[in-house]
C-alpha atoms as a PDB file:
ATOM      1  CA  UNK A   1      -4.561 -19.325  -8.844  1.00  0.00           C
ATOM      2  CA  UNK A   2      -0.786 -18.902  -8.862  1.00  0.00           C
ATOM      3  CA  UNK A   3      -1.020 -15.586 -10.710  1.00  0.00           C
ATOM      4  CA  UNK A   4      -3.619 -14.332  -8.241  1.00  0.00           C
ATOM      5  CA  UNK A   5      -1.453 -15.383  -5.303  1.00  0.00           C
ATOM      6  CA  UNK A   6       1.632 -13.681  -6.712  1.00  0.00           C
ATOM      7  CA  UNK A   7      -0.368 -10.564  -7.511  1.00  0.00           C
ATOM      8  CA  UNK A   8      -1.834 -10.531  -4.007  1.00  0.00           C
ATOM      9  CA  UNK A   9       1.576 -11.033  -2.428  1.00  0.00           C
ATOM     10  CA  UNK A  10       3.736  -8.680  -4.493  1.00  0.00           C
ATOM     11  CA  UNK A  11       1.077  -6.134  -5.442  1.00  0.00           C
ATOM     12  CA  UNK A  12      -0.431  -6.113  -1.973  1.00  0.00           C
ATOM     13  CA  UNK A  13       2.983  -5.556  -0.429  1.00  0.00           C
ATOM     14  CA  UNK A  14       3.806  -2.752  -2.861  1.00  0.00           C
ATOM     15  CA  UNK A  15       0.445  -1.049  -2.326  1.00  0.00           C
ATOM     16  CA  UNK A  16       0.560  -1.415   1.458  1.00  0.00           C
ATOM     17  CA  UNK A  17       4.139  -0.110   1.632  1.00  0.00           C
ATOM     18  CA  UNK A  18       3.410   2.883  -0.596  1.00  0.00           C
ATOM     19  CA  UNK A  19       0.136   3.752   1.129  1.00  0.00           C
ATOM     20  CA  UNK A  20       1.622   3.459   4.615  1.00  0.00           C
ATOM     21  CA  UNK A  21       4.587   5.609   3.547  1.00  0.00           C
ATOM     22  CA  UNK A  22       2.176   8.222   2.237  1.00  0.00           C
ATOM     23  CA  UNK A  23       0.204   8.065   5.466  1.00  0.00           C
ATOM     24  CA  UNK A  24       3.370   8.495   7.519  1.00  0.00           C
ATOM     25  CA  UNK A  25       4.350  11.469   5.375  1.00  0.00           C
ATOM     26  CA  UNK A  26       0.955  13.169   5.708  1.00  0.00           C
ATOM     27  CA  UNK A  27       0.326  12.619   9.420  1.00  0.00           C
ATOM     28  CA  UNK A  28       1.044  15.600  11.643  1.00  0.00           C
ATOM     29  CA  UNK A  29       3.307  15.301  14.637  1.00  0.00           C
ATOM     30  CA  UNK A  30       6.823  14.049  15.172  1.00  0.00           C
ATOM     31  CA  UNK A  31       8.290  12.054  12.265  1.00  0.00           C
ATOM     32  CA  UNK A  32       9.058   9.011  14.425  1.00  0.00           C
ATOM     33  CA  UNK A  33       5.488   8.809  15.689  1.00  0.00           C
ATOM     34  CA  UNK A  34       4.039   9.272  12.201  1.00  0.00           C
ATOM     35  CA  UNK A  35       6.319   6.496  10.902  1.00  0.00           C
ATOM     36  CA  UNK A  36       5.219   4.198  13.710  1.00  0.00           C
ATOM     37  CA  UNK A  37       1.553   4.802  12.868  1.00  0.00           C
ATOM     38  CA  UNK A  38       2.274   4.148   9.217  1.00  0.00           C
ATOM     39  CA  UNK A  39       3.873   0.833  10.117  1.00  0.00           C
ATOM     40  CA  UNK A  40       1.000  -0.119  12.410  1.00  0.00           C
ATOM     41  CA  UNK A  41      -1.527   0.547   9.643  1.00  0.00           C
ATOM     42  CA  UNK A  42       0.503  -1.353   7.032  1.00  0.00           C
ATOM     43  CA  UNK A  43      -0.084  -4.791   8.559  1.00  0.00           C
ATOM     44  CA  UNK A  44      -3.912  -4.838   8.528  1.00  0.00           C
ATOM     45  CA  UNK A  45      -3.845  -3.004   5.198  1.00  0.00           C
ATOM     46  CA  UNK A  46      -1.674  -5.727   3.645  1.00  0.00           C
ATOM     47  CA  UNK A  47      -3.923  -8.442   5.081  1.00  0.00           C
ATOM     48  CA  UNK A  48      -7.055  -6.706   3.824  1.00  0.00           C
ATOM     49  CA  UNK A  49      -5.634  -6.202   0.350  1.00  0.00           C
ATOM     50  CA  UNK A  50      -4.594  -9.859   0.206  1.00  0.00           C
ATOM     51  CA  UNK A  51      -8.039 -11.056   1.229  1.00  0.00           C
ATOM     52  CA  UNK A  52      -9.690  -8.732  -1.264  1.00  0.00           C
ATOM     53  CA  UNK A  53      -7.390 -10.001  -4.024  1.00  0.00           C
ATOM     54  CA  UNK A  54      -8.813 -13.504  -3.609  1.00  0.00           C
ATOM     55  CA  UNK A  55     -12.381 -12.254  -3.255  1.00  0.00           C
ATOM     56  CA  UNK A  56     -12.518 -10.153  -6.440  1.00  0.00           C
ATOM     57  CA  UNK A  57     -13.753 -11.818  -9.594  1.00  0.00           C
ATOM     58  CA  UNK A  58     -11.246 -10.580 -12.180  1.00  0.00           C
ATOM     59  CA  UNK A  59      -7.500 -10.802 -11.833  1.00  0.00           C
ATOM     60  CA  UNK A  60      -7.018  -7.844 -14.166  1.00  0.00           C
ATOM     61  CA  UNK A  61      -9.076  -5.650 -11.852  1.00  0.00           C
ATOM     62  CA  UNK A  62      -7.073  -6.809  -8.838  1.00  0.00           C
ATOM     63  CA  UNK A  63      -3.766  -6.142 -10.570  1.00  0.00           C
ATOM     64  CA  UNK A  64      -4.902  -2.725 -11.799  1.00  0.00           C
ATOM     65  CA  UNK A  65      -6.070  -1.630  -8.348  1.00  0.00           C
ATOM     66  CA  UNK A  66      -3.067  -2.951  -6.441  1.00  0.00           C
ATOM     67  CA  UNK A  67      -0.370  -1.737  -8.824  1.00  0.00           C
ATOM     68  CA  UNK A  68      -2.231   1.499  -9.531  1.00  0.00           C
ATOM     69  CA  UNK A  69      -2.469   2.280  -5.834  1.00  0.00           C
ATOM     70  CA  UNK A  70       1.211   1.446  -5.398  1.00  0.00           C
ATOM     71  CA  UNK A  71       2.256   3.687  -8.280  1.00  0.00           C
ATOM     72  CA  UNK A  72       0.020   6.605  -7.293  1.00  0.00           C
ATOM     73  CA  UNK A  73       0.926   6.526  -3.609  1.00  0.00           C
ATOM     74  CA  UNK A  74       4.617   6.018  -4.368  1.00  0.00           C
ATOM     75  CA  UNK A  75       4.560   8.914  -6.807  1.00  0.00           C
ATOM     76  CA  UNK A  76       2.834  11.113  -4.251  1.00  0.00           C
ATOM     77  CA  UNK A  77       5.495  10.254  -1.667  1.00  0.00           C
ATOM     78  CA  UNK A  78       8.229  11.157  -4.150  1.00  0.00           C
ATOM     79  CA  UNK A  79       6.511  14.430  -5.052  1.00  0.00           C
ATOM     80  CA  UNK A  80       6.019  15.402  -1.407  1.00  0.00           C
ATOM     81  CA  UNK A  81       9.694  14.837  -0.683  1.00  0.00           C
ATOM     82  CA  UNK A  82      11.405  14.680   2.668  1.00  0.00           C
ATOM     83  CA  UNK A  83       9.445  15.748   5.691  1.00  0.00           C
ATOM     84  CA  UNK A  84      10.589  19.115   7.090  1.00  0.00           C
END
């Protein structure tokens, strides 16, 4: 249970931060508004990922999805670079 909680907390935070950063980078419009929308989406996303982490049967699946999403979205943000 402790491993699942730590995975939900750290992995969920990493995935939510990376996915909301990617969303903010991809949204059209002014950068400040896109960043605000990314932040707004990050809170329910983090909560949903945390709830799902305790609902899923296998901890390995949870860890793979959360850390995989964090790595893929973070890599995409790095590849896209700074917003023009």
